[in-house]
Amino acid sequence: MSEKLFTVGKIVNTHGIRGEVKVMPHTDFADQRFAVKSKLFIVPDKGSMIEATVDTSRFHKNMYVLKFKELHGINDAEKYKGSLLKIKADLQEELPDNEYYFHEIIGCKVLTDDEPAEELGTISEILTPGANDVWVVKTPQGKEVLLPAIPDVVLDVDKEAKLVRVHLMEGLL
């Protein structure tokens, strides 16, 4: 399959003997992703991925307990411990303005709002420590700059051109 897949969760363990699995969600849309009849791809570290359909789903202790129609017991479920759960790109939700998926932001070039604009670097990862996300910008010199993803700092995001314009508040560098 050459279509791009996006991670929505990870199977962290089995649950009981009927083939249920515990899933740590990696999505803001967990209720939709893990709803009954949802189609997901189980992608193990080794071996080939399978398409699976959610048969039952419930939220329990900050995780989802899922039963897939394709897994018939603990022996089937056991071999998928540690596997990622993914969806096709066309199943992603449309986001409101000024909200972005991580994969749309990572790799963007960051420019300052100075005249002339100065290239700060490239976004290499996104941290989610609490109140707001923090974008990690790798400079051409190899240093990392942490930018809070707040309206005072992030002025403009052009997903198509992979460019982000930022205002460097005092103390950020």
Protein backbone atom coordinates (compact mmCIF):
# COMPACT_ATOMS: atom_id res chain seq x y z
CA MET A 1 0.00 0.00 0.00
CA SER A 2 1.53 3.31 -1.03
CA GLU A 3 -1.15 5.53 0.50
CA LYS A 4 0.00 7.56 3.50
CA LEU A 5 -1.32 6.36 6.85
CA PHE A 6 -1.58 8.37 10.07
CA THR A 7 -1.22 6.99 13.59
CA VAL A 8 -4.28 7.30 15.84
CA GLY A 9 -3.28 4.94 18.64
CA LYS A 10 -1.06 2.17 19.93
CA ILE A 11 -2.01 -1.28 21.22
CA VAL A 12 -0.28 -1.43 24.60
CA ASN A 13 -1.62 -4.72 25.95
CA THR A 14 -4.28 -7.38 25.74
CA HIS A 15 -7.39 -7.31 27.93
CA GLY A 16 -9.00 -10.56 29.02
CA ILE A 17 -9.10 -13.76 26.97
CA ARG A 18 -11.64 -12.82 24.26
CA GLY A 19 -9.16 -10.89 22.09
CA GLU A 20 -9.72 -7.40 23.41
CA VAL A 21 -6.80 -4.96 23.37
CA LYS A 22 -5.95 -1.84 25.37
CA VAL A 23 -5.25 1.15 23.14
CA MET A 24 -3.45 4.36 24.08
CA PRO A 25 -5.04 7.05 21.88
CA HIS A 26 -2.75 9.33 19.83
CA THR A 27 -5.54 11.48 18.42
CA ASP A 28 -7.85 14.30 19.45
CA PHE A 29 -10.72 12.45 17.75
CA ALA A 30 -10.58 9.19 19.73
CA ASP A 31 -14.37 8.82 20.04
CA GLN A 32 -14.68 8.76 16.25
CA ARG A 33 -11.55 6.73 15.53
CA PHE A 34 -12.42 3.93 17.96
CA ALA A 35 -16.19 3.88 17.40
CA VAL A 36 -17.91 0.61 16.55
CA LYS A 37 -17.57 -0.25 12.81
CA SER A 38 -14.51 2.02 12.38
CA LYS A 39 -11.89 0.66 9.99
CA LEU A 40 -8.30 0.83 11.23
CA PHE A 41 -5.00 -0.62 10.10
CA ILE A 42 -3.05 -2.62 12.67
CA VAL A 43 0.63 -2.06 11.85
CA PRO A 44 2.97 -4.36 13.82
CA ASP A 45 6.76 -3.85 14.17
CA LYS A 46 7.34 -7.09 12.26
CA GLY A 47 4.99 -8.79 9.88
CA SER A 48 2.34 -7.39 7.64
CA MET A 49 -0.40 -4.97 8.59
CA ILE A 50 -4.04 -5.95 8.59
CA GLU A 51 -7.21 -3.95 8.15
CA ALA A 52 -9.46 -4.39 11.17
CA THR A 53 -12.99 -3.34 12.06
CA VAL A 54 -13.89 -2.24 15.60
CA ASP A 55 -16.52 -4.64 17.00
CA THR A 56 -16.81 -3.18 20.53
CA SER A 57 -15.26 -0.13 22.16
CA ARG A 58 -15.22 1.34 25.65
CA PHE A 59 -13.16 3.92 27.51
CA HIS A 60 -11.48 2.56 30.63
CA LYS A 61 -8.72 4.17 32.77
CA ASN A 62 -7.52 6.69 30.15
CA MET A 63 -7.39 4.01 27.45
CA TYR A 64 -9.78 2.40 25.01
CA VAL A 65 -10.54 -1.29 25.23
CA LEU A 66 -11.30 -2.48 21.71
CA LYS A 67 -12.44 -5.77 20.25
CA PHE A 68 -11.73 -6.21 16.55
CA LYS A 69 -13.85 -8.55 14.41
CA GLU A 70 -10.62 -10.02 12.99
CA LEU A 71 -9.15 -11.01 16.41
CA HIS A 72 -10.89 -14.02 17.92
CA GLY A 73 -9.03 -14.60 21.16
CA ILE A 74 -6.06 -13.73 23.31
CA ASN A 75 -3.68 -15.65 21.00
CA ASP A 76 -4.69 -13.47 18.04
CA ALA A 77 -4.50 -10.26 20.10
CA GLU A 78 -1.16 -11.11 21.77
CA LYS A 79 0.85 -10.91 18.54
CA TYR A 80 -0.28 -7.30 17.97
CA LYS A 81 0.95 -5.91 21.32
CA GLY A 82 3.01 -2.80 20.57
CA SER A 83 1.41 -2.32 17.15
CA LEU A 84 0.27 1.06 15.91
CA LEU A 85 -3.29 1.76 14.80
CA LYS A 86 -3.48 3.90 11.68
CA ILE A 87 -6.04 5.45 9.35
CA LYS A 88 -5.95 6.53 5.71
CA ALA A 89 -5.33 10.22 5.00
CA ASP A 90 -8.83 10.72 3.58
CA LEU A 91 -10.37 9.81 6.95
CA GLN A 92 -8.76 12.74 8.75
CA GLU A 93 -11.14 15.34 10.15
CA GLU A 94 -11.31 18.83 8.66
CA LEU A 95 -9.80 21.21 11.20
CA PRO A 96 -11.01 24.74 11.93
CA ASP A 97 -8.93 27.71 10.80
CA ASN A 98 -5.62 28.14 12.63
CA GLU A 99 -5.51 24.49 13.72
CA TYR A 100 -3.13 22.02 12.11
CA TYR A 101 -2.15 18.39 12.22
CA PHE A 102 1.39 17.81 13.48
CA HIS A 103 2.45 16.32 10.13
CA GLU A 104 1.43 19.58 8.42
CA ILE A 105 3.66 21.68 10.70
CA ILE A 106 6.75 19.48 11.07
CA GLY A 107 9.22 20.34 8.31
CA CYS A 108 7.95 23.91 7.83
CA LYS A 109 10.53 26.66 7.42
CA VAL A 110 10.26 29.37 10.11
CA LEU A 111 10.75 33.03 9.20
CA THR A 112 10.79 36.01 11.59
CA ASP A 113 8.54 39.04 11.07
CA ASP A 114 11.60 41.34 10.83
CA GLU A 115 12.21 43.37 7.68
CA PRO A 116 13.85 41.68 5.86
CA ALA A 117 12.61 38.35 7.20
CA GLU A 118 15.28 36.17 8.77
CA GLU A 119 15.16 32.38 8.48
CA LEU A 120 15.13 30.91 11.97
CA GLY A 121 15.20 27.23 10.97
CA THR A 122 12.88 24.27 10.43
CA ILE A 123 10.26 22.81 12.79
CA SER A 124 11.58 19.39 13.82
CA GLU A 125 9.04 18.29 16.43
CA ILE A 126 6.06 19.44 18.48
CA LEU A 127 5.89 19.12 22.26
CA THR A 128 2.58 19.06 24.15
CA PRO A 129 3.51 19.99 27.74
CA GLY A 130 0.17 21.45 28.80
CA ALA A 131 -1.50 24.80 28.20
CA ASN A 132 -0.21 25.13 24.62
CA ASP A 133 1.95 23.23 22.16
CA VAL A 134 5.62 24.11 21.81
CA TRP A 135 7.25 23.95 18.37
CA VAL A 136 10.89 22.87 18.33
CA VAL A 137 12.80 24.79 15.63
CA LYS A 138 16.17 23.42 14.53
CA THR A 139 18.44 26.27 13.43
CA PRO A 140 20.99 25.92 10.60
CA GLN A 141 23.69 25.95 13.32
CA GLY A 142 22.09 22.87 14.92
CA LYS A 143 20.64 24.63 17.97
CA GLU A 144 17.04 24.18 19.06
CA VAL A 145 14.68 27.09 19.67
CA LEU A 146 11.41 26.45 21.53
CA LEU A 147 8.48 28.51 20.28
CA PRO A 148 5.13 28.50 22.10
CA ALA A 149 2.31 27.96 19.60
CA ILE A 150 0.32 31.01 20.71
CA PRO A 151 -1.18 33.82 18.58
CA ASP A 152 1.35 36.39 19.91
CA VAL A 153 4.22 34.28 18.50
CA VAL A 154 2.81 32.37 15.51
CA LEU A 155 1.58 35.01 13.07
CA ASP A 156 0.95 33.04 9.88
CA VAL A 157 1.08 29.41 8.74
CA ASP A 158 1.14 28.57 5.03
CA LYS A 159 0.73 24.77 4.86
CA GLU A 160 1.08 24.61 1.08
CA ALA A 161 4.34 26.61 0.96
CA LYS A 162 5.53 24.97 4.24
CA LEU A 163 6.29 28.43 5.72
CA VAL A 164 5.58 29.78 9.20
CA ARG A 165 5.98 33.46 10.08
CA VAL A 166 6.67 34.20 13.76
CA HIS A 167 7.20 37.16 16.06
CA LEU A 168 10.11 36.59 18.43
CA MET A 169 9.06 37.94 21.80
CA GLU A 170 11.76 39.14 24.14
CA GLY A 171 13.57 36.25 25.82
CA LEU A 172 12.66 33.52 23.30
CA LEU A 173 16.20 33.25 21.85
